[in-house]
PDB file of N, CA and C in Angstrom:
ATOM      1  N   MET A   1     122.326  83.613 133.332  1.00  0.00           N
ATOM      2  CA  MET A   1     122.156  85.051 133.482  1.00  0.00           C
ATOM      3  C   MET A   1     121.653  85.622 132.166  1.00  0.00           C
ATOM      4  N   SER A   2     120.609  86.404 132.255  1.00  0.00           N
ATOM      5  CA  SER A   2     119.996  86.970 131.068  1.00  0.00           C
ATOM      6  C   SER A   2     120.404  88.432 130.910  1.00  0.00           C
ATOM      7  N   MET A   3     120.558  88.850 129.667  1.00  0.00           N
ATOM      8  CA  MET A   3     120.893  90.242 129.378  1.00  0.00           C
ATOM      9  C   MET A   3     119.639  91.095 129.211  1.00  0.00           C
ATOM     10  N   ARG A   4     118.457  90.488 129.304  1.00  0.00           N
ATOM     11  CA  ARG A   4     117.207  91.206 129.102  1.00  0.00           C
ATOM     12  C   ARG A   4     116.789  91.937 130.367  1.00  0.00           C
ATOM     13  N   THR A   5     116.066  93.020 130.172  1.00  0.00           N
ATOM     14  CA  THR A   5     115.547  93.770 131.314  1.00  0.00           C
ATOM     15  C   THR A   5     114.361  93.015 131.913  1.00  0.00           C
ATOM     16  N   PRO A   6     114.016  93.305 133.162  1.00  0.00           N
ATOM     17  CA  PRO A   6     112.846  92.648 133.757  1.00  0.00           C
ATOM     18  C   PRO A   6     111.570  92.883 132.946  1.00  0.00           C
ATOM     19  N   LEU A   7     111.375  94.089 132.441  1.00  0.00           N
ATOM     20  CA  LEU A   7     110.195  94.385 131.629  1.00  0.00           C
ATOM     21  C   LEU A   7     110.213  93.584 130.338  1.00  0.00           C
ATOM     22  N   GLY A   8     111.392  93.437 129.748  1.00  0.00           N
ATOM     23  CA  GLY A   8     111.524  92.643 128.531  1.00  0.00           C
ATOM     24  C   GLY A   8     111.206  91.176 128.765  1.00  0.00           C
ATOM     25  N   ARG A   9     111.607  90.665 129.931  1.00  0.00           N
ATOM     26  CA  ARG A   9     111.297  89.260 130.249  1.00  0.00           C
ATOM     27  C   ARG A   9     109.801  89.060 130.463  1.00  0.00           C
ATOM     28  N   VAL A  10     109.146  90.023 131.084  1.00  0.00           N
ATOM     29  CA  VAL A  10     107.704  89.917 131.330  1.00  0.00           C
ATOM     30  C   VAL A  10     106.933  89.974 130.015  1.00  0.00           C
ATOM     31  N   ARG A  11     107.285  90.900 129.156  1.00  0.00           N
ATOM     32  CA  ARG A  11     106.582  91.043 127.876  1.00  0.00           C
ATOM     33  C   ARG A  11     106.935  89.920 126.904  1.00  0.00           C
ATOM     34  N   GLY A  12     108.109  89.402 126.997  1.00  0.00           N
ATOM     35  CA  GLY A  12     108.529  88.339 126.099  1.00  0.00           C
ATOM     36  C   GLY A  12     108.891  88.832 124.711  1.00  0.00           C
ATOM     37  N   LEU A  13     109.196  90.098 124.595  1.00  0.00           N
ATOM     38  CA  LEU A  13     109.526  90.672 123.301  1.00  0.00           C
ATOM     39  C   LEU A  13     111.027  90.878 123.188  1.00  0.00           C
ATOM     40  N   GLY A  14     111.501  90.857 121.944  1.00  0.00           N
ATOM     41  CA  GLY A  14     112.902  91.163 121.690  1.00  0.00           C
ATOM     42  C   GLY A  14     113.113  92.666 121.688  1.00  0.00           C
ATOM     43  N   SER A  15     114.273  93.098 121.289  1.00  0.00           N
ATOM     44  CA  SER A  15     114.595  94.518 121.349  1.00  0.00           C
ATOM     45  C   SER A  15     113.781  95.347 120.360  1.00  0.00           C
ATOM     46  N   ALA A  16     113.513  94.822 119.175  1.00  0.00           N
ATOM     47  CA  ALA A  16     112.772  95.591 118.174  1.00  0.00           C
ATOM     48  C   ALA A  16     111.283  95.292 118.215  1.00  0.00           C
ATOM     49  N   LYS A  17     110.879  94.243 118.871  1.00  0.00           N
ATOM     50  CA  LYS A  17     109.495  93.853 119.078  1.00  0.00           C
ATOM     51  C   LYS A  17     108.804  93.269 117.853  1.00  0.00           C
ATOM     52  N   ASP A  18     109.416  93.330 116.686  1.00  0.00           N
ATOM     53  CA  ASP A  18     108.762  92.765 115.505  1.00  0.00           C
ATOM     54  C   ASP A  18     109.743  92.090 114.548  1.00  0.00           C
ATOM     55  N   GLY A  19     110.920  91.772 115.009  1.00  0.00           N
ATOM     56  CA  GLY A  19     111.930  91.178 114.144  1.00  0.00           C
ATOM     57  C   GLY A  19     111.538  89.819 113.596  1.00  0.00           C
ATOM     58  N   THR A  20     110.913  88.991 114.429  1.00  0.00           N
ATOM     59  CA  THR A  20     110.514  87.661 113.979  1.00  0.00           C
ATOM     60  C   THR A  20     109.420  87.747 112.933  1.00  0.00           C
ATOM     61  N   GLU A  21     108.454  88.631 113.164  1.00  0.00           N
ATOM     62  CA  GLU A  21     107.372  88.800 112.178  1.00  0.00           C
ATOM     63  C   GLU A  21     107.935  89.286 110.842  1.00  0.00           C
ATOM     64  N   HIS A  22     108.846  90.236 110.895  1.00  0.00           N
ATOM     65  CA  HIS A  22     109.470  90.755 109.684  1.00  0.00           C
ATOM     66  C   HIS A  22     110.209  89.641 108.939  1.00  0.00           C
ATOM     67  N   PHE A  23     110.979  88.860 109.682  1.00  0.00           N
ATOM     68  CA  PHE A  23     111.721  87.739 109.109  1.00  0.00           C
ATOM     69  C   PHE A  23     110.769  86.768 108.405  1.00  0.00           C
ATOM     70  N   TRP A  24     109.696  86.384 109.089  1.00  0.00           N
ATOM     71  CA  TRP A  24     108.772  85.410 108.510  1.00  0.00           C
ATOM     72  C   TRP A  24     107.995  85.974 107.327  1.00  0.00           C
ATOM     73  N   MET A  25     107.633  87.253 107.387  1.00  0.00           N
ATOM     74  CA  MET A  25     106.913  87.841 106.248  1.00  0.00           C
ATOM     75  C   MET A  25     107.805  87.905 105.008  1.00  0.00           C
ATOM     76  N   GLN A  26     109.098  88.133 105.196  1.00  0.00           N
ATOM     77  CA  GLN A  26     110.014  88.087 104.056  1.00  0.00           C
ATOM     78  C   GLN A  26     110.028  86.687 103.446  1.00  0.00           C
ATOM     79  N   ARG A  27     110.059  85.677 104.293  1.00  0.00           N
ATOM     80  CA  ARG A  27     110.104  84.293 103.794  1.00  0.00           C
ATOM     81  C   ARG A  27     108.792  83.898 103.147  1.00  0.00           C
ATOM     82  N   VAL A  28     107.668  84.284 103.755  1.00  0.00           N
ATOM     83  CA  VAL A  28     106.352  83.938 103.198  1.00  0.00           C
ATOM     84  C   VAL A  28     106.146  84.601 101.837  1.00  0.00           C
ATOM     85  N   THR A  29     106.487  85.885 101.732  1.00  0.00           N
ATOM     86  CA  THR A  29     106.329  86.551 100.438  1.00  0.00           C
ATOM     87  C   THR A  29     107.305  86.004  99.403  1.00  0.00           C
ATOM     88  N   ALA A  30     108.488  85.585  99.837  1.00  0.00           N
ATOM     89  CA  ALA A  30     109.438  84.986  98.895  1.00  0.00           C
ATOM     90  C   ALA A  30     108.879  83.690  98.324  1.00  0.00           C
ATOM     91  N   VAL A  31     108.301  82.863  99.178  1.00  0.00           N
ATOM     92  CA  VAL A  31     107.718  81.606  98.708  1.00  0.00           C
ATOM     93  C   VAL A  31     106.500  81.877  97.837  1.00  0.00           C
ATOM     94  N   ALA A  32     105.672  82.851  98.219  1.00  0.00           N
ATOM     95  CA  ALA A  32     104.498  83.198  97.411  1.00  0.00           C
ATOM     96  C   ALA A  32     104.909  83.747  96.049  1.00  0.00           C
ATOM     97  N   ASN A  33     106.035  84.438  95.995  1.00  0.00           N
ATOM     98  CA  ASN A  33     106.475  85.028  94.737  1.00  0.00           C
ATOM     99  C   ASN A  33     106.949  83.982  93.725  1.00  0.00           C
ATOM    100  N   ILE A  34     107.345  82.818  94.184  1.00  0.00           N
ATOM    101  CA  ILE A  34     107.835  81.793  93.245  1.00  0.00           C
ATOM    102  C   ILE A  34     106.763  81.436  92.218  1.00  0.00           C
ATOM    103  N   PRO A  35     105.571  80.961  92.627  1.00  0.00           N
ATOM    104  CA  PRO A  35     104.570  80.649  91.603  1.00  0.00           C
ATOM    105  C   PRO A  35     104.038  81.894  90.905  1.00  0.00           C
ATOM    106  N   LEU A  36     103.936  83.010  91.634  1.00  0.00           N
ATOM    107  CA  LEU A  36     103.416  84.225  91.009  1.00  0.00           C
ATOM    108  C   LEU A  36     104.326  84.707  89.884  1.00  0.00           C
ATOM    109  N   VAL A  37     105.621  84.689  90.115  1.00  0.00           N
ATOM    110  CA  VAL A  37     106.570  85.132  89.083  1.00  0.00           C
ATOM    111  C   VAL A  37     106.596  84.140  87.924  1.00  0.00           C
ATOM    112  N   LEU A  38     106.549  82.851  88.220  1.00  0.00           N
ATOM    113  CA  LEU A  38     106.542  81.856  87.139  1.00  0.00           C
ATOM    114  C   LEU A  38     105.291  81.990  86.268  1.00  0.00           C
ATOM    115  N   ILE A  39     104.144  82.168  86.896  1.00  0.00           N
ATOM    116  CA  ILE A  39     102.909  82.361  86.125  1.00  0.00           C
ATOM    117  C   ILE A  39     102.974  83.680  85.361  1.00  0.00           C
ATOM    118  N   GLY A  40     103.521  84.717  85.990  1.00  0.00           N
ATOM    119  CA  GLY A  40     103.671  86.004  85.309  1.00  0.00           C
ATOM    120  C   GLY A  40     104.573  85.911  84.093  1.00  0.00           C
ATOM    121  N   LEU A  41     105.672  85.187  84.227  1.00  0.00           N
ATOM    122  CA  LEU A  41     106.556  84.993  83.065  1.00  0.00           C
ATOM    123  C   LEU A  41     105.853  84.210  81.961  1.00  0.00           C
ATOM    124  N   TRP A  42     105.119  83.166  82.363  1.00  0.00           N
ATOM    125  CA  TRP A  42     104.360  82.397  81.372  1.00  0.00           C
ATOM    126  C   TRP A  42     103.345  83.292  80.670  1.00  0.00           C
ATOM    127  N   LEU A  43     102.671  84.163  81.427  1.00  0.00           N
ATOM    128  CA  LEU A  43     101.687  85.077  80.841  1.00  0.00           C
ATOM    129  C   LEU A  43     102.342  86.010  79.831  1.00  0.00           C
ATOM    130  N   ILE A  44     103.460  86.594  80.200  1.00  0.00           N
ATOM    131  CA  ILE A  44     104.159  87.513  79.289  1.00  0.00           C
ATOM    132  C   ILE A  44     104.602  86.793  78.029  1.00  0.00           C
ATOM    133  N   ILE A  45     105.170  85.596  78.196  1.00  0.00           N
ATOM    134  CA  ILE A  45     105.630  84.841  77.023  1.00  0.00           C
ATOM    135  C   ILE A  45     104.451  84.461  76.130  1.00  0.00           C
ATOM    136  N   SER A  46     103.315  84.116  76.748  1.00  0.00           N
ATOM    137  CA  SER A  46     102.150  83.729  75.949  1.00  0.00           C
ATOM    138  C   SER A  46     101.544  84.907  75.201  1.00  0.00           C
ATOM    139  N   LEU A  47     101.801  86.123  75.640  1.00  0.00           N
ATOM    140  CA  LEU A  47     101.243  87.313  74.982  1.00  0.00           C
ATOM    141  C   LEU A  47     102.160  87.871  73.896  1.00  0.00           C
ATOM    142  N   VAL A  48     103.374  87.362  73.808  1.00  0.00           N
ATOM    143  CA  VAL A  48     104.314  87.858  72.799  1.00  0.00           C
ATOM    144  C   VAL A  48     103.742  87.584  71.406  1.00  0.00           C
ATOM    145  N   GLY A  49     103.705  88.618  70.590  1.00  0.00           N
ATOM    146  CA  GLY A  49     103.225  88.483  69.222  1.00  0.00           C
ATOM    147  C   GLY A  49     101.740  88.749  69.063  1.00  0.00           C
ATOM    148  N   ASP A  50     100.982  88.808  70.162  1.00  0.00           N
ATOM    149  CA  ASP A  50      99.551  89.108  70.059  1.00  0.00           C
ATOM    150  C   ASP A  50      99.353  90.604  69.837  1.00  0.00           C
ATOM    151  N   ASP A  51      98.245  90.944  69.187  1.00  0.00           N
ATOM    152  CA  ASP A  51      97.957  92.360  68.980  1.00  0.00           C
ATOM    153  C   ASP A  51      97.388  92.975  70.264  1.00  0.00           C
ATOM    154  N   TYR A  52      97.277  94.283  70.271  1.00  0.00           N
ATOM    155  CA  TYR A  52      96.864  95.030  71.453  1.00  0.00           C
ATOM    156  C   TYR A  52      95.510  94.563  71.976  1.00  0.00           C
ATOM    157  N   GLN A  53      94.553  94.389  71.084  1.00  0.00           N
ATOM    158  CA  GLN A  53      93.205  94.009  71.501  1.00  0.00           C
ATOM    159  C   GLN A  53      93.187  92.626  72.158  1.00  0.00           C
ATOM    160  N   MET A  54      93.986  91.706  71.654  1.00  0.00           N
ATOM    161  CA  MET A  54      94.047  90.362  72.240  1.00  0.00           C
ATOM    162  C   MET A  54      94.639  90.423  73.655  1.00  0.00           C
ATOM    163  N   VAL A  55      95.663  91.242  73.833  1.00  0.00           N
ATOM    164  CA  VAL A  55      96.286  91.394  75.154  1.00  0.00           C
ATOM    165  C   VAL A  55      95.271  91.994  76.136  1.00  0.00           C
ATOM    166  N   VAL A  56      94.575  93.032  75.729  1.00  0.00           N
ATOM    167  CA  VAL A  56      93.575  93.666  76.590  1.00  0.00           C
ATOM    168  C   VAL A  56      92.465  92.672  76.927  1.00  0.00           C
ATOM    169  N   THR A  57      92.008  91.902  75.946  1.00  0.00           N
ATOM    170  CA  THR A  57      90.945  90.928  76.178  1.00  0.00           C
ATOM    171  C   THR A  57      91.385  89.878  77.203  1.00  0.00           C
ATOM    172  N   LYS A  58      92.599  89.373  77.051  1.00  0.00           N
ATOM    173  CA  LYS A  58      93.074  88.345  77.976  1.00  0.00           C
ATOM    174  C   LYS A  58      93.274  88.906  79.385  1.00  0.00           C
ATOM    175  N   LEU A  59      93.909  90.063  79.499  1.00  0.00           N
ATOM    176  CA  LEU A  59      94.199  90.631  80.816  1.00  0.00           C
ATOM    177  C   LEU A  59      92.959  91.182  81.517  1.00  0.00           C
ATOM    178  N   SER A  60      91.882  91.414  80.786  1.00  0.00           N
ATOM    179  CA  SER A  60      90.678  91.973  81.405  1.00  0.00           C
ATOM    180  C   SER A  60      89.771  90.911  82.011  1.00  0.00           C
ATOM    181  N   SER A  61      90.135  89.647  81.892  1.00  0.00           N
ATOM    182  CA  SER A  61      89.320  88.601  82.504  1.00  0.00           C
ATOM    183  C   SER A  61      89.486  88.668  84.027  1.00  0.00           C
ATOM    184  N   PRO A  62      88.436  88.292  84.783  1.00  0.00           N
ATOM    185  CA  PRO A  62      88.501  88.402  86.250  1.00  0.00           C
ATOM    186  C   PRO A  62      89.655  87.613  86.873  1.00  0.00           C
ATOM    187  N   GLY A  63      89.943  86.436  86.352  1.00  0.00           N
ATOM    188  CA  GLY A  63      91.028  85.632  86.915  1.00  0.00           C
ATOM    189  C   GLY A  63      92.380  86.306  86.793  1.00  0.00           C
ATOM    190  N   TRP A  64      92.648  86.889  85.631  1.00  0.00           N
ATOM    191  CA  TRP A  64      93.931  87.565  85.440  1.00  0.00           C
ATOM    192  C   TRP A  64      93.994  88.865  86.238  1.00  0.00           C
ATOM    193  N   THR A  65      92.849  89.525  86.427  1.00  0.00           N
ATOM    194  CA  THR A  65      92.843  90.739  87.243  1.00  0.00           C
ATOM    195  C   THR A  65      93.213  90.408  88.686  1.00  0.00           C
ATOM    196  N   VAL A  66      92.614  89.365  89.227  1.00  0.00           N
ATOM    197  CA  VAL A  66      92.948  88.934  90.593  1.00  0.00           C
ATOM    198  C   VAL A  66      94.416  88.549  90.670  1.00  0.00           C
ATOM    199  N   PHE A  67      94.892  87.810  89.681  1.00  0.00           N
ATOM    200  CA  PHE A  67      96.301  87.407  89.665  1.00  0.00           C
ATOM    201  C   PHE A  67      97.215  88.636  89.662  1.00  0.00           C
ATOM    202  N   LEU A  68      96.929  89.618  88.809  1.00  0.00           N
ATOM    203  CA  LEU A  68      97.780  90.805  88.713  1.00  0.00           C
ATOM    204  C   LEU A  68      97.816  91.580  90.029  1.00  0.00           C
ATOM    205  N   VAL A  69      96.673  91.682  90.700  1.00  0.00           N
ATOM    206  CA  VAL A  69      96.640  92.399  91.975  1.00  0.00           C
ATOM    207  C   VAL A  69      97.419  91.622  93.038  1.00  0.00           C
ATOM    208  N   LEU A  70      97.236  90.303  93.110  1.00  0.00           N
ATOM    209  CA  LEU A  70      98.005  89.491  94.062  1.00  0.00           C
ATOM    210  C   LEU A  70      99.499  89.586  93.779  1.00  0.00           C
ATOM    211  N   PHE A  71      99.858  89.529  92.511  1.00  0.00           N
ATOM    212  CA  PHE A  71     101.252  89.643  92.103  1.00  0.00           C
ATOM    213  C   PHE A  71     101.837  90.973  92.581  1.00  0.00           C
ATOM    214  N   ALA A  72     101.102  92.063  92.329  1.00  0.00           N
ATOM    215  CA  ALA A  72     101.588  93.389  92.713  1.00  0.00           C
ATOM    216  C   ALA A  72     101.769  93.489  94.222  1.00  0.00           C
ATOM    217  N   PHE A  73     100.766  93.060  94.992  1.00  0.00           N
ATOM    218  CA  PHE A  73     100.867  93.157  96.449  1.00  0.00           C
ATOM    219  C   PHE A  73     102.019  92.329  96.987  1.00  0.00           C
ATOM    220  N   SER A  74     102.155  91.104  96.523  1.00  0.00           N
ATOM    221  CA  SER A  74     103.194  90.228  97.048  1.00  0.00           C
ATOM    222  C   SER A  74     104.594  90.742  96.713  1.00  0.00           C
ATOM    223  N   VAL A  75     104.803  91.097  95.466  1.00  0.00           N
ATOM    224  CA  VAL A  75     106.131  91.548  95.036  1.00  0.00           C
ATOM    225  C   VAL A  75     106.485  92.886  95.688  1.00  0.00           C
ATOM    226  N   LEU A  76     105.540  93.806  95.729  1.00  0.00           N
ATOM    227  CA  LEU A  76     105.835  95.116  96.306  1.00  0.00           C
ATOM    228  C   LEU A  76     106.063  95.033  97.820  1.00  0.00           C
ATOM    229  N   TYR A  77     105.280  94.218  98.507  1.00  0.00           N
ATOM    230  CA  TYR A  77     105.467  94.070  99.948  1.00  0.00           C
ATOM    231  C   TYR A  77     106.819  93.412 100.248  1.00  0.00           C
ATOM    232  N   HIS A  78     107.173  92.409  99.466  1.00  0.00           N
ATOM    233  CA  HIS A  78     108.473  91.756  99.625  1.00  0.00           C
ATOM    234  C   HIS A  78     109.607  92.758  99.382  1.00  0.00           C
ATOM    235  N   MET A  79     109.447  93.595  98.357  1.00  0.00           N
ATOM    236  CA  MET A  79     110.454  94.600  98.056  1.00  0.00           C
ATOM    237  C   MET A  79     110.586  95.599  99.207  1.00  0.00           C
ATOM    238  N   ARG A  80     109.442  96.028  99.752  1.00  0.00           N
ATOM    239  CA  ARG A  80     109.460  96.985 100.865  1.00  0.00           C
ATOM    240  C   ARG A  80     110.185  96.405 102.071  1.00  0.00           C
ATOM    241  N   LEU A  81     109.911  95.144 102.395  1.00  0.00           N
ATOM    242  CA  LEU A  81     110.567  94.506 103.541  1.00  0.00           C
ATOM    243  C   LEU A  81     112.076  94.396 103.316  1.00  0.00           C
ATOM    244  N   GLY A  82     112.464  93.992 102.132  1.00  0.00           N
ATOM    245  CA  GLY A  82     113.889  93.847 101.833  1.00  0.00           C
ATOM    246  C   GLY A  82     114.636  95.163 101.871  1.00  0.00           C
ATOM    247  N   LEU A  83     114.063  96.202 101.263  1.00  0.00           N
ATOM    248  CA  LEU A  83     114.716  97.512 101.276  1.00  0.00           C
ATOM    249  C   LEU A  83     114.764  98.099 102.684  1.00  0.00           C
ATOM    250  N   GLN A  84     113.746  97.814 103.480  1.00  0.00           N
ATOM    251  CA  GLN A  84     113.750  98.288 104.863  1.00  0.00           C
ATOM    252  C   GLN A  84     114.944  97.721 105.619  1.00  0.00           C
ATOM    253  N   VAL A  85     115.227  96.447 105.439  1.00  0.00           N
ATOM    254  CA  VAL A  85     116.370  95.823 106.108  1.00  0.00           C
ATOM    255  C   VAL A  85     117.673  96.461 105.627  1.00  0.00           C
ATOM    256  N   VAL A  86     117.793  96.670 104.332  1.00  0.00           N
ATOM    257  CA  VAL A  86     119.016  97.280 103.790  1.00  0.00           C
ATOM    258  C   VAL A  86     119.198  98.685 104.357  1.00  0.00           C
ATOM    259  N   ILE A  87     118.119  99.471 104.377  1.00  0.00           N
ATOM    260  CA  ILE A  87     118.209 100.843 104.900  1.00  0.00           C
ATOM    261  C   ILE A  87     118.588 100.824 106.378  1.00  0.00           C
ATOM    262  N   GLU A  88     117.921  99.982 107.152  1.00  0.00           N
ATOM    263  CA  GLU A  88     118.207  99.941 108.591  1.00  0.00           C
ATOM    264  C   GLU A  88     119.625  99.458 108.893  1.00  0.00           C
ATOM    265  N   ASP A  89     120.148  98.574 108.056  1.00  0.00           N
ATOM    266  CA  ASP A  89     121.482  98.025 108.315  1.00  0.00           C
ATOM    267  C   ASP A  89     122.618  98.916 107.833  1.00  0.00           C
ATOM    268  N   TYR A  90     122.416  99.650 106.751  1.00  0.00           N
ATOM    269  CA  TYR A  90     123.540 100.344 106.123  1.00  0.00           C
ATOM    270  C   TYR A  90     123.473 101.867 106.158  1.00  0.00           C
ATOM    271  N   ILE A  91     122.354 102.433 106.584  1.00  0.00           N
ATOM    272  CA  ILE A  91     122.269 103.894 106.715  1.00  0.00           C
ATOM    273  C   ILE A  91     122.386 104.219 108.195  1.00  0.00           C
ATOM    274  N   HIS A  92     123.381 105.019 108.551  1.00  0.00           N
ATOM    275  CA  HIS A  92     123.674 105.238 109.960  1.00  0.00           C
ATOM    276  C   HIS A  92     123.227 106.605 110.463  1.00  0.00           C
ATOM    277  N   THR A  93     122.973 107.552 109.569  1.00  0.00           N
ATOM    278  CA  THR A  93     122.467 108.855 109.985  1.00  0.00           C
ATOM    279  C   THR A  93     120.962 108.731 110.215  1.00  0.00           C
ATOM    280  N   GLU A  94     120.511 109.112 111.396  1.00  0.00           N
ATOM    281  CA  GLU A  94     119.114 108.852 111.783  1.00  0.00           C
ATOM    282  C   GLU A  94     118.102 109.553 110.879  1.00  0.00           C
ATOM    283  N   TRP A  95     118.330 110.831 110.548  1.00  0.00           N
ATOM    284  CA  TRP A  95     117.341 111.538 109.718  1.00  0.00           C
ATOM    285  C   TRP A  95     117.319 110.975 108.306  1.00  0.00           C
ATOM    286  N   THR A  96     118.453 110.550 107.791  1.00  0.00           N
ATOM    287  CA  THR A  96     118.503 109.944 106.467  1.00  0.00           C
ATOM    288  C   THR A  96     117.783 108.601 106.467  1.00  0.00           C
ATOM    289  N   LYS A  97     117.981 107.846 107.530  1.00  0.00           N
ATOM    290  CA  LYS A  97     117.321 106.554 107.656  1.00  0.00           C
ATOM    291  C   LYS A  97     115.804 106.728 107.671  1.00  0.00           C
ATOM    292  N   ILE A  98     115.319 107.671 108.456  1.00  0.00           N
ATOM    293  CA  ILE A  98     113.872 107.917 108.540  1.00  0.00           C
ATOM    294  C   ILE A  98     113.333 108.373 107.194  1.00  0.00           C
ATOM    295  N   LEU A  99     114.036 109.280 106.543  1.00  0.00           N
ATOM    296  CA  LEU A  99     113.601 109.771 105.232  1.00  0.00           C
ATOM    297  C   LEU A  99     113.533 108.634 104.212  1.00  0.00           C
ATOM    298  N   LEU A 100     114.555 107.798 104.170  1.00  0.00           N
ATOM    299  CA  LEU A 100     114.570 106.694 103.211  1.00  0.00           C
ATOM    300  C   LEU A 100     113.494 105.649 103.521  1.00  0.00           C
ATOM    301  N   LEU A 101     113.240 105.387 104.792  1.00  0.00           N
ATOM    302  CA  LEU A 101     112.168 104.458 105.148  1.00  0.00           C
ATOM    303  C   LEU A 101     110.807 105.010 104.727  1.00  0.00           C
ATOM    304  N   LEU A 102     110.609 106.313 104.910  1.00  0.00           N
ATOM    305  CA  LEU A 102     109.363 106.934 104.451  1.00  0.00           C
ATOM    306  C   LEU A 102     109.230 106.867 102.932  1.00  0.00           C
ATOM    307  N   LEU A 103     110.300 107.190 102.238  1.00  0.00           N
ATOM    308  CA  LEU A 103     110.268 107.132 100.773  1.00  0.00           C
ATOM    309  C   LEU A 103     110.024 105.711 100.279  1.00  0.00           C
ATOM    310  N   ASN A 104     110.616 104.734 100.935  1.00  0.00           N
ATOM    311  CA  ASN A 104     110.408 103.333 100.590  1.00  0.00           C
ATOM    312  C   ASN A 104     108.923 102.981 100.709  1.00  0.00           C
ATOM    313  N   THR A 105     108.316 103.356 101.821  1.00  0.00           N
ATOM    314  CA  THR A 105     106.898 103.060 102.044  1.00  0.00           C
ATOM    315  C   THR A 105     106.022 103.799 101.039  1.00  0.00           C
ATOM    316  N   PHE A 106     106.276 105.097 100.836  1.00  0.00           N
ATOM    317  CA  PHE A 106     105.471 105.873  99.886  1.00  0.00           C
ATOM    318  C   PHE A 106     105.597 105.318  98.474  1.00  0.00           C
ATOM    319  N   PHE A 107     106.799 104.934  98.081  1.00  0.00           N
ATOM    320  CA  PHE A 107     106.991 104.389  96.737  1.00  0.00           C
ATOM    321  C   PHE A 107     106.188 103.115  96.538  1.00  0.00           C
ATOM    322  N   VAL A 108     106.212 102.233  97.541  1.00  0.00           N
ATOM    323  CA  VAL A 108     105.478 100.970  97.437  1.00  0.00           C
ATOM    324  C   VAL A 108     103.979 101.226  97.367  1.00  0.00           C
ATOM    325  N   PHE A 109     103.463 102.110  98.214  1.00  0.00           N
ATOM    326  CA  PHE A 109     102.030 102.397  98.179  1.00  0.00           C
ATOM    327  C   PHE A 109     101.616 103.067  96.869  1.00  0.00           C
ATOM    328  N   PHE A 110     102.404 104.013  96.399  1.00  0.00           N
ATOM    329  CA  PHE A 110     102.081 104.692  95.142  1.00  0.00           C
ATOM    330  C   PHE A 110     102.125 103.712  93.975  1.00  0.00           C
ATOM    331  N   THR A 111     103.168 102.910  93.900  1.00  0.00           N
ATOM    332  CA  THR A 111     103.296 101.934  92.821  1.00  0.00           C
ATOM    333  C   THR A 111     102.171 100.905  92.883  1.00  0.00           C
ATOM    334  N   GLY A 112     101.842 100.438  94.076  1.00  0.00           N
ATOM    335  CA  GLY A 112     100.748  99.487  94.239  1.00  0.00           C
ATOM    336  C   GLY A 112      99.421 100.081  93.822  1.00  0.00           C
ATOM    337  N   ALA A 113      99.169 101.325  94.207  1.00  0.00           N
ATOM    338  CA  ALA A 113      97.926 101.988  93.814  1.00  0.00           C
ATOM    339  C   ALA A 113      97.832 102.137  92.296  1.00  0.00           C
ATOM    340  N   MET A 114      98.931 102.496  91.666  1.00  0.00           N
ATOM    341  CA  MET A 114      98.921 102.645  90.203  1.00  0.00           C
ATOM    342  C   MET A 114      98.716 101.293  89.527  1.00  0.00           C
ATOM    343  N   PHE A 115      99.313 100.255  90.060  1.00  0.00           N
ATOM    344  CA  PHE A 115      99.172  98.910  89.493  1.00  0.00           C
ATOM    345  C   PHE A 115      97.735  98.430  89.617  1.00  0.00           C
ATOM    346  N   VAL A 116      97.132  98.630  90.790  1.00  0.00           N
ATOM    347  CA  VAL A 116      95.740  98.214  90.993  1.00  0.00           C
ATOM    348  C   VAL A 116      94.812  99.026  90.104  1.00  0.00           C
ATOM    349  N   PHE A 117      95.068 100.310  89.977  1.00  0.00           N
ATOM    350  CA  PHE A 117      94.274 101.169  89.092  1.00  0.00           C
ATOM    351  C   PHE A 117      94.336 100.643  87.654  1.00  0.00           C
ATOM    352  N   ALA A 118      95.540 100.325  87.195  1.00  0.00           N
ATOM    353  CA  ALA A 118      95.705  99.813  85.830  1.00  0.00           C
ATOM    354  C   ALA A 118      94.989  98.480  85.648  1.00  0.00           C
ATOM    355  N   ALA A 119      95.088  97.592  86.636  1.00  0.00           N
ATOM    356  CA  ALA A 119      94.430  96.286  86.539  1.00  0.00           C
ATOM    357  C   ALA A 119      92.905  96.449  86.511  1.00  0.00           C
ATOM    358  N   PHE A 120      92.376  97.329  87.371  1.00  0.00           N
ATOM    359  CA  PHE A 120      90.924  97.537  87.394  1.00  0.00           C
ATOM    360  C   PHE A 120      90.448  98.245  86.124  1.00  0.00           C
ATOM    361  N   LYS A 121      91.269  99.145  85.604  1.00  0.00           N
ATOM    362  CA  LYS A 121      90.894  99.816  84.360  1.00  0.00           C
ATOM    363  C   LYS A 121      90.816  98.802  83.219  1.00  0.00           C
ATOM    364  N   LEU A 122      91.744  97.859  83.180  1.00  0.00           N
ATOM    365  CA  LEU A 122      91.668  96.795  82.190  1.00  0.00           C
ATOM    366  C   LEU A 122      90.429  95.930  82.409  1.00  0.00           C
ATOM    367  N   ALA A 123      90.148  95.619  83.661  1.00  0.00           N
ATOM    368  CA  ALA A 123      89.043  94.705  83.973  1.00  0.00           C
ATOM    369  C   ALA A 123      87.680  95.328  83.683  1.00  0.00           C
ATOM    370  N   PHE A 124      87.529  96.603  83.970  1.00  0.00           N
ATOM    371  CA  PHE A 124      86.219  97.243  83.851  1.00  0.00           C
ATOM    372  C   PHE A 124      86.098  98.152  82.641  1.00  0.00           C
ATOM    373  N   GLY A 125      87.132  98.155  81.798  1.00  0.00           N
ATOM    374  CA  GLY A 125      87.102  98.991  80.592  1.00  0.00           C
ATOM    375  C   GLY A 125      87.390 100.429  80.920  1.00  0.00           C
ATOM    376  N   GLY A 126      87.628 101.177  79.910  1.00  0.00           N
ATOM    377  CA  GLY A 126      87.862 102.589  80.189  1.00  0.00           C
ATOM    378  C   GLY A 126      88.780 103.138  79.232  1.00  0.00           C
TER     379      GLY A 126
END
């Protein structure tokens, strides 16, 4: 005996319709963040003691610009997914939940836009 509705059985979707995708995207971004964070830490450690111009020269190369943008997208998206789960699980007032989910999304997009702007400004001068 199934607890699912007939429409749910026909569509083959769970109650939230995207829980599995959310679960897997959290895992994929977590795995992607392992090498990205390790390379990022290595980059920061390698820049310790260098003067400003040397840091700008190194970070303005195309390879490091691509790395910084990938790093920002992966880490910020992973953060957004994780905070979304926390908000949905622990905030019980509906309007507060909606407000916090919106703020979570806006914060990630704003931070990502600023990070990409900074990376491109380094890459293209300015």
